[in-house]
């Protein structure tokens, strides 16, 4: 499958199970792989025939601004399903990492993969 990717997308948002995590926004890092919806873009060279990565980044930021999740698992699932729906992508893999949460780890996070049921 051909993919579009976004790496190290930095967004600050409220997320976490513990009360201390819900007091202030924390930095998250997103890595996103999105299946290109068909081969038409390779002949057409038109943005309308692919997934606009800038629009995806804006979507993720907007969702993080309006939804505050307790768990990264729920956040990643919500975003993945939304990307499939909003951008008509056949596949999405999204990783979400908290930065500097554990003293001995630079990042902790989750990865989810979702496939479109309409493909």
C-alpha atoms as a PDB file:
ATOM      1  CA  UNK A   1       0.000   0.000   0.000  1.00  0.00           C
ATOM      2  CA  UNK A   2       1.224   3.482  -0.844  1.00  0.00           C
ATOM      3  CA  UNK A   3       1.307   5.844   2.118  1.00  0.00           C
ATOM      4  CA  UNK A   4       1.438   9.489   3.042  1.00  0.00           C
ATOM      5  CA  UNK A   5       3.145  10.116   6.349  1.00  0.00           C
ATOM      6  CA  UNK A   6       3.410  12.805   9.001  1.00  0.00           C
ATOM      7  CA  UNK A   7       6.288  12.500  11.471  1.00  0.00           C
ATOM      8  CA  UNK A   8       6.843  14.150  14.836  1.00  0.00           C
ATOM      9  CA  UNK A   9       3.702  16.280  14.791  1.00  0.00           C
ATOM     10  CA  UNK A  10       3.864  18.140  18.121  1.00  0.00           C
ATOM     11  CA  UNK A  11       0.604  19.096  19.837  1.00  0.00           C
ATOM     12  CA  UNK A  12      -0.093  20.187  23.414  1.00  0.00           C
ATOM     13  CA  UNK A  13      -3.362  19.033  24.918  1.00  0.00           C
ATOM     14  CA  UNK A  14      -5.027  17.838  28.102  1.00  0.00           C
ATOM     15  CA  UNK A  15      -4.779  14.051  28.316  1.00  0.00           C
ATOM     16  CA  UNK A  16      -4.324  11.624  31.164  1.00  0.00           C
ATOM     17  CA  UNK A  17      -5.928   9.446  33.770  1.00  0.00           C
ATOM     18  CA  UNK A  18      -4.364  11.058  36.835  1.00  0.00           C
ATOM     19  CA  UNK A  19      -5.635  14.398  38.194  1.00  0.00           C
ATOM     20  CA  UNK A  20      -2.153  15.961  37.872  1.00  0.00           C
ATOM     21  CA  UNK A  21      -2.226  15.165  34.142  1.00  0.00           C
ATOM     22  CA  UNK A  22      -5.527  16.978  33.713  1.00  0.00           C
ATOM     23  CA  UNK A  23      -4.362  20.247  35.272  1.00  0.00           C
ATOM     24  CA  UNK A  24      -2.321  21.511  32.327  1.00  0.00           C
ATOM     25  CA  UNK A  25      -1.669  20.657  28.705  1.00  0.00           C
ATOM     26  CA  UNK A  26       1.198  18.310  27.993  1.00  0.00           C
ATOM     27  CA  UNK A  27       3.231  17.758  24.844  1.00  0.00           C
ATOM     28  CA  UNK A  28       2.361  14.826  22.626  1.00  0.00           C
ATOM     29  CA  UNK A  29       4.088  13.577  19.500  1.00  0.00           C
ATOM     30  CA  UNK A  30       2.130  12.023  16.647  1.00  0.00           C
ATOM     31  CA  UNK A  31       3.374   9.852  13.798  1.00  0.00           C
ATOM     32  CA  UNK A  32       0.738   9.094  11.190  1.00  0.00           C
ATOM     33  CA  UNK A  33       0.726   6.811   8.132  1.00  0.00           C
ATOM     34  CA  UNK A  34      -2.257   7.195   5.798  1.00  0.00           C
ATOM     35  CA  UNK A  35      -3.105   4.959   2.856  1.00  0.00           C
ATOM     36  CA  UNK A  36      -3.406   6.822  -0.434  1.00  0.00           C
ATOM     37  CA  UNK A  37      -6.982   6.301  -1.689  1.00  0.00           C
ATOM     38  CA  UNK A  38      -6.375   4.796  -5.111  1.00  0.00           C
ATOM     39  CA  UNK A  39      -3.802   5.217  -7.852  1.00  0.00           C
ATOM     40  CA  UNK A  40      -5.471   8.186  -9.579  1.00  0.00           C
ATOM     41  CA  UNK A  41      -3.111  10.734  -8.057  1.00  0.00           C
ATOM     42  CA  UNK A  42      -0.126   9.184  -9.825  1.00  0.00           C
ATOM     43  CA  UNK A  43      -1.626  10.071 -13.211  1.00  0.00           C
ATOM     44  CA  UNK A  44      -3.552  13.223 -12.309  1.00  0.00           C
ATOM     45  CA  UNK A  45      -0.987  15.005 -10.091  1.00  0.00           C
ATOM     46  CA  UNK A  46      -3.988  16.602  -8.325  1.00  0.00           C
ATOM     47  CA  UNK A  47      -4.306  17.180  -4.589  1.00  0.00           C
ATOM     48  CA  UNK A  48      -7.990  16.260  -4.830  1.00  0.00           C
ATOM     49  CA  UNK A  49      -6.965  12.681  -5.698  1.00  0.00           C
ATOM     50  CA  UNK A  50      -4.958  12.076  -2.522  1.00  0.00           C
ATOM     51  CA  UNK A  51      -4.971  12.924   1.188  1.00  0.00           C
ATOM     52  CA  UNK A  52      -3.936  16.462   2.077  1.00  0.00           C
ATOM     53  CA  UNK A  53      -1.420  16.004   4.912  1.00  0.00           C
ATOM     54  CA  UNK A  54      -1.789  19.647   6.026  1.00  0.00           C
ATOM     55  CA  UNK A  55      -5.544  19.101   6.409  1.00  0.00           C
ATOM     56  CA  UNK A  56      -4.880  15.926   8.419  1.00  0.00           C
ATOM     57  CA  UNK A  57      -2.509  17.804  10.751  1.00  0.00           C
ATOM     58  CA  UNK A  58      -5.144  20.536  11.200  1.00  0.00           C
ATOM     59  CA  UNK A  59      -7.781  17.880  11.921  1.00  0.00           C
ATOM     60  CA  UNK A  60      -5.634  16.238  14.611  1.00  0.00           C
ATOM     61  CA  UNK A  61      -4.926  19.625  16.243  1.00  0.00           C
ATOM     62  CA  UNK A  62      -8.603  20.601  16.163  1.00  0.00           C
ATOM     63  CA  UNK A  63      -9.688  17.276  17.688  1.00  0.00           C
ATOM     64  CA  UNK A  64      -7.077  17.587  20.448  1.00  0.00           C
ATOM     65  CA  UNK A  65      -8.312  21.106  21.182  1.00  0.00           C
ATOM     66  CA  UNK A  66     -11.965  20.021  21.494  1.00  0.00           C
ATOM     67  CA  UNK A  67     -11.732  16.519  23.052  1.00  0.00           C
ATOM     68  CA  UNK A  68      -9.832  15.723  26.225  1.00  0.00           C
ATOM     69  CA  UNK A  69      -9.248  12.018  26.671  1.00  0.00           C
ATOM     70  CA  UNK A  70      -8.107  10.116  29.736  1.00  0.00           C
ATOM     71  CA  UNK A  71      -6.273   7.416  27.784  1.00  0.00           C
ATOM     72  CA  UNK A  72      -4.025   7.606  24.739  1.00  0.00           C
ATOM     73  CA  UNK A  73      -5.668   4.411  23.470  1.00  0.00           C
ATOM     74  CA  UNK A  74      -9.045   6.145  23.215  1.00  0.00           C
ATOM     75  CA  UNK A  75      -7.483   9.268  21.690  1.00  0.00           C
ATOM     76  CA  UNK A  76      -5.613   7.285  19.027  1.00  0.00           C
ATOM     77  CA  UNK A  77      -8.718   5.257  18.133  1.00  0.00           C
ATOM     78  CA  UNK A  78     -10.847   8.406  17.875  1.00  0.00           C
ATOM     79  CA  UNK A  79      -8.315  10.127  15.625  1.00  0.00           C
ATOM     80  CA  UNK A  80      -7.726   7.062  13.434  1.00  0.00           C
ATOM     81  CA  UNK A  81     -11.432   6.501  12.832  1.00  0.00           C
ATOM     82  CA  UNK A  82     -11.900  10.196  12.118  1.00  0.00           C
ATOM     83  CA  UNK A  83      -9.079  10.241   9.559  1.00  0.00           C
ATOM     84  CA  UNK A  84     -10.598   7.244   7.765  1.00  0.00           C
ATOM     85  CA  UNK A  85     -13.986   8.939   7.693  1.00  0.00           C
ATOM     86  CA  UNK A  86     -12.982  12.537   6.931  1.00  0.00           C
ATOM     87  CA  UNK A  87     -10.276  11.841   4.352  1.00  0.00           C
ATOM     88  CA  UNK A  88     -11.661   8.648   2.747  1.00  0.00           C
ATOM     89  CA  UNK A  89      -8.396   6.855   3.450  1.00  0.00           C
ATOM     90  CA  UNK A  90      -8.282   3.059   3.155  1.00  0.00           C
ATOM     91  CA  UNK A  91      -5.823   2.692   6.050  1.00  0.00           C
ATOM     92  CA  UNK A  92      -4.341   4.676   8.909  1.00  0.00           C
ATOM     93  CA  UNK A  93      -1.681   3.922  11.512  1.00  0.00           C
ATOM     94  CA  UNK A  94      -1.256   6.493  14.243  1.00  0.00           C
ATOM     95  CA  UNK A  95       1.156   6.581  17.131  1.00  0.00           C
ATOM     96  CA  UNK A  96       0.663   8.972  20.030  1.00  0.00           C
ATOM     97  CA  UNK A  97       3.460   9.464  22.548  1.00  0.00           C
ATOM     98  CA  UNK A  98       3.711  11.385  25.789  1.00  0.00           C
ATOM     99  CA  UNK A  99       7.106  12.980  26.200  1.00  0.00           C
ATOM    100  CA  UNK A 100       9.142  12.750  29.407  1.00  0.00           C
ATOM    101  CA  UNK A 101       6.429  11.107  31.520  1.00  0.00           C
ATOM    102  CA  UNK A 102       8.662   8.309  32.844  1.00  0.00           C
ATOM    103  CA  UNK A 103      12.091   9.258  34.188  1.00  0.00           C
ATOM    104  CA  UNK A 104      13.909   6.492  32.307  1.00  0.00           C
ATOM    105  CA  UNK A 105      12.005   6.817  29.007  1.00  0.00           C
ATOM    106  CA  UNK A 106      11.943   9.612  26.468  1.00  0.00           C
ATOM    107  CA  UNK A 107       8.493   8.578  25.192  1.00  0.00           C
ATOM    108  CA  UNK A 108       5.617   6.307  26.128  1.00  0.00           C
ATOM    109  CA  UNK A 109       2.593   5.802  23.952  1.00  0.00           C
ATOM    110  CA  UNK A 110       0.349   3.692  21.783  1.00  0.00           C
ATOM    111  CA  UNK A 111       0.023   2.689  18.144  1.00  0.00           C
ATOM    112  CA  UNK A 112      -3.284   1.802  16.496  1.00  0.00           C
ATOM    113  CA  UNK A 113      -4.058   0.687  12.954  1.00  0.00           C
ATOM    114  CA  UNK A 114      -7.467   0.955  11.358  1.00  0.00           C
ATOM    115  CA  UNK A 115      -8.761  -0.046   7.932  1.00  0.00           C
ATOM    116  CA  UNK A 116     -11.725   1.400   6.096  1.00  0.00           C
ATOM    117  CA  UNK A 117     -14.701  -0.916   5.875  1.00  0.00           C
ATOM    118  CA  UNK A 118     -15.808   0.780   2.644  1.00  0.00           C
ATOM    119  CA  UNK A 119     -12.727  -0.201   0.616  1.00  0.00           C
END
